[in-house]
């Protein structure tokens, strides 16, 4: 497998949507309601990623993909912190890898690339939110040097409560 990281394009929307849906259903089964996961549709994911990748939606958001040839293996979305406490803090909004390829280094490649992109934009630190009960993801981020901040929130996703916790990392000067 020859993995490359590149900026996502509108032509990647369907592949990203399929991957995103599979990732949610695999990683979050047993953590969030099965009913919620079963109600997620490919159409909603296509719409979400179509908006995210349109230049007019958010010119400050970047989305990258890990690819092997033309096959999308992972996706990462990043930009300025959504709840800005500091203009020096960026945020990783989403990181998803094809479920069958987890633990193959793709997530680390995407995460490392996202931190480089944020640092190149002048950010000195980054945050991300992870599902509070997603032990696998939490172990992954902690192994990459991220630390929990102790801040938690419950996100309402179409009537379903999704508890999340915040992680942060500083960039080496």
Protein backbone atom coordinates (compact mmCIF):
# COMPACT_ATOMS: atom_id res chain seq x y z
CA UNK A 1 0.00 0.00 0.00
CA UNK A 2 1.37 3.43 -0.98
CA UNK A 3 -0.44 6.01 1.12
CA UNK A 4 -0.40 9.68 0.22
CA UNK A 5 -2.08 12.60 1.99
CA UNK A 6 -3.65 15.24 -0.21
CA UNK A 7 -6.29 17.95 -0.03
CA UNK A 8 -9.77 16.56 -0.54
CA UNK A 9 -11.78 17.71 -3.53
CA UNK A 10 -15.45 17.72 -4.42
CA UNK A 11 -14.84 14.55 -6.46
CA UNK A 12 -14.00 12.79 -3.15
CA UNK A 13 -17.35 13.58 -1.49
CA UNK A 14 -19.05 10.23 -2.09
CA UNK A 15 -16.01 8.17 -1.05
CA UNK A 16 -15.58 10.29 2.09
CA UNK A 17 -19.28 9.95 2.92
CA UNK A 18 -19.17 6.15 2.58
CA UNK A 19 -16.03 5.97 4.73
CA UNK A 20 -17.45 8.37 7.33
CA UNK A 21 -20.67 6.36 7.69
CA UNK A 22 -18.77 3.06 7.97
CA UNK A 23 -16.41 4.59 10.52
CA UNK A 24 -19.23 5.89 12.72
CA UNK A 25 -21.13 2.60 12.60
CA UNK A 26 -18.01 0.60 13.42
CA UNK A 27 -16.28 2.79 16.01
CA UNK A 28 -19.35 4.06 17.84
CA UNK A 29 -21.44 0.86 18.04
CA UNK A 30 -22.08 0.23 21.73
CA UNK A 31 -21.10 3.82 22.58
CA UNK A 32 -24.02 5.68 21.05
CA UNK A 33 -27.54 4.47 20.43
CA UNK A 34 -27.93 1.80 17.75
CA UNK A 35 -31.05 3.63 16.65
CA UNK A 36 -29.03 6.80 16.06
CA UNK A 37 -26.37 4.90 14.08
CA UNK A 38 -29.01 3.10 12.03
CA UNK A 39 -30.71 6.40 11.19
CA UNK A 40 -27.54 7.86 9.67
CA UNK A 41 -27.79 7.83 5.90
CA UNK A 42 -25.31 8.03 3.08
CA UNK A 43 -27.36 10.95 1.71
CA UNK A 44 -26.86 12.94 4.92
CA UNK A 45 -23.11 12.24 4.84
CA UNK A 46 -22.88 13.24 1.15
CA UNK A 47 -24.71 16.48 1.95
CA UNK A 48 -22.49 17.19 4.97
CA UNK A 49 -19.23 16.59 3.11
CA UNK A 50 -20.47 18.35 -0.01
CA UNK A 51 -21.03 21.48 2.07
CA UNK A 52 -17.72 21.05 3.88
CA UNK A 53 -15.80 20.84 0.62
CA UNK A 54 -17.53 23.74 -1.11
CA UNK A 55 -15.25 26.76 -1.12
CA UNK A 56 -18.03 29.04 0.07
CA UNK A 57 -18.96 26.95 3.13
CA UNK A 58 -15.86 27.67 5.20
CA UNK A 59 -12.74 28.88 3.46
CA UNK A 60 -10.77 28.41 6.71
CA UNK A 61 -11.57 24.69 6.97
CA UNK A 62 -9.22 22.23 5.30
CA UNK A 63 -10.10 18.62 4.57
CA UNK A 64 -7.46 16.09 3.66
CA UNK A 65 -7.67 12.49 2.59
CA UNK A 66 -5.31 9.56 2.86
CA UNK A 67 -5.34 7.71 -0.44
CA UNK A 68 -3.84 4.65 -2.04
CA UNK A 69 -4.02 5.57 -5.70
CA UNK A 70 -7.58 6.84 -6.10
CA UNK A 71 -8.98 4.93 -3.11
CA UNK A 72 -9.84 7.08 -0.09
CA UNK A 73 -8.65 5.33 3.09
CA UNK A 74 -9.13 8.14 5.62
CA UNK A 75 -10.28 11.73 6.05
CA UNK A 76 -9.32 14.58 8.35
CA UNK A 77 -10.91 18.02 8.68
CA UNK A 78 -9.22 20.92 10.48
CA UNK A 79 -9.19 24.66 10.92
CA UNK A 80 -9.55 27.39 13.52
CA UNK A 81 -11.04 26.46 16.86
CA UNK A 82 -14.84 26.58 16.65
CA UNK A 83 -15.30 27.88 20.19
CA UNK A 84 -12.44 30.33 20.06
CA UNK A 85 -10.82 30.98 23.42
CA UNK A 86 -7.63 31.89 21.61
CA UNK A 87 -6.86 32.72 18.01
CA UNK A 88 -3.65 30.71 18.45
CA UNK A 89 -5.56 27.43 18.84
CA UNK A 90 -6.58 25.30 15.87
CA UNK A 91 -8.91 22.33 15.91
CA UNK A 92 -9.11 18.90 14.35
CA UNK A 93 -12.82 18.61 13.59
CA UNK A 94 -12.95 15.04 12.30
CA UNK A 95 -10.60 12.10 11.77
CA UNK A 96 -11.92 8.87 10.30
CA UNK A 97 -10.19 5.84 8.81
CA UNK A 98 -11.66 2.95 6.85
CA UNK A 99 -12.62 0.48 9.64
CA UNK A 100 -10.76 -2.49 8.11
CA UNK A 101 -7.57 -0.39 7.98
CA UNK A 102 -7.47 0.90 11.54
CA UNK A 103 -4.16 0.35 13.33
CA UNK A 104 -2.22 0.56 10.06
CA UNK A 105 -0.81 4.05 10.67
CA UNK A 106 -3.27 5.94 8.46
CA UNK A 107 -4.84 7.88 11.33
CA UNK A 108 -1.39 8.89 12.59
CA UNK A 109 -0.38 10.10 9.11
CA UNK A 110 -3.54 12.19 8.84
CA UNK A 111 -3.20 13.56 12.37
CA UNK A 112 0.48 14.44 11.94
CA UNK A 113 -0.31 16.15 8.64
CA UNK A 114 -3.16 18.12 10.24
CA UNK A 115 -0.87 19.39 13.00
CA UNK A 116 1.73 20.46 10.43
CA UNK A 117 -0.95 22.29 8.45
CA UNK A 118 -2.23 24.04 11.58
CA UNK A 119 1.30 25.02 12.66
CA UNK A 120 2.00 26.35 9.16
CA UNK A 121 -1.07 28.57 9.54
CA UNK A 122 0.37 30.08 12.73
CA UNK A 123 -1.50 28.09 15.36
CA UNK A 124 0.56 27.16 18.43
CA UNK A 125 -1.78 24.49 19.80
CA UNK A 126 -4.76 22.39 18.79
CA UNK A 127 -7.82 20.81 20.35
CA UNK A 128 -10.21 18.07 19.33
CA UNK A 129 -13.31 16.46 20.76
CA UNK A 130 -13.63 12.70 21.15
CA UNK A 131 -16.60 10.65 22.29
CA UNK A 132 -16.11 10.32 26.03
CA UNK A 133 -16.62 6.54 26.03
CA UNK A 134 -14.53 5.82 22.92
CA UNK A 135 -11.60 4.16 24.71
CA UNK A 136 -9.85 3.18 21.47
CA UNK A 137 -9.79 6.74 20.13
CA UNK A 138 -8.73 8.14 23.50
CA UNK A 139 -5.80 5.69 23.69
CA UNK A 140 -4.82 6.65 20.13
CA UNK A 141 -4.77 10.40 20.84
CA UNK A 142 -2.95 9.94 24.15
CA UNK A 143 -0.30 7.82 22.39
CA UNK A 144 0.17 10.74 19.97
CA UNK A 145 0.86 13.15 22.84
CA UNK A 146 -2.60 14.67 23.30
CA UNK A 147 -3.92 15.25 26.83
CA UNK A 148 -7.44 15.54 28.11
CA UNK A 149 -8.32 19.03 29.30
CA UNK A 150 -11.09 17.85 31.63
CA UNK A 151 -13.65 19.80 29.62
CA UNK A 152 -16.72 17.82 28.58
CA UNK A 153 -19.86 18.60 26.64
CA UNK A 154 -22.92 16.73 25.53
CA UNK A 155 -23.65 17.29 21.88
CA UNK A 156 -27.26 16.97 20.76
CA UNK A 157 -27.34 15.12 17.45
CA UNK A 158 -30.93 15.03 16.22
CA UNK A 159 -32.26 14.33 19.72
CA UNK A 160 -29.50 11.93 20.74
CA UNK A 161 -27.10 12.95 23.50
CA UNK A 162 -23.46 12.32 22.58
CA UNK A 163 -21.03 12.94 25.51
CA UNK A 164 -17.63 14.19 24.39
CA UNK A 165 -14.38 15.18 26.06
CA UNK A 166 -11.77 17.65 24.84
CA UNK A 167 -8.12 16.91 24.16
CA UNK A 168 -5.34 19.42 23.50
CA UNK A 169 -1.75 19.49 22.28
CA UNK A 170 0.86 22.21 22.01
CA UNK A 171 3.25 22.50 19.10
CA UNK A 172 7.01 22.44 19.59
CA UNK A 173 8.55 25.84 18.96
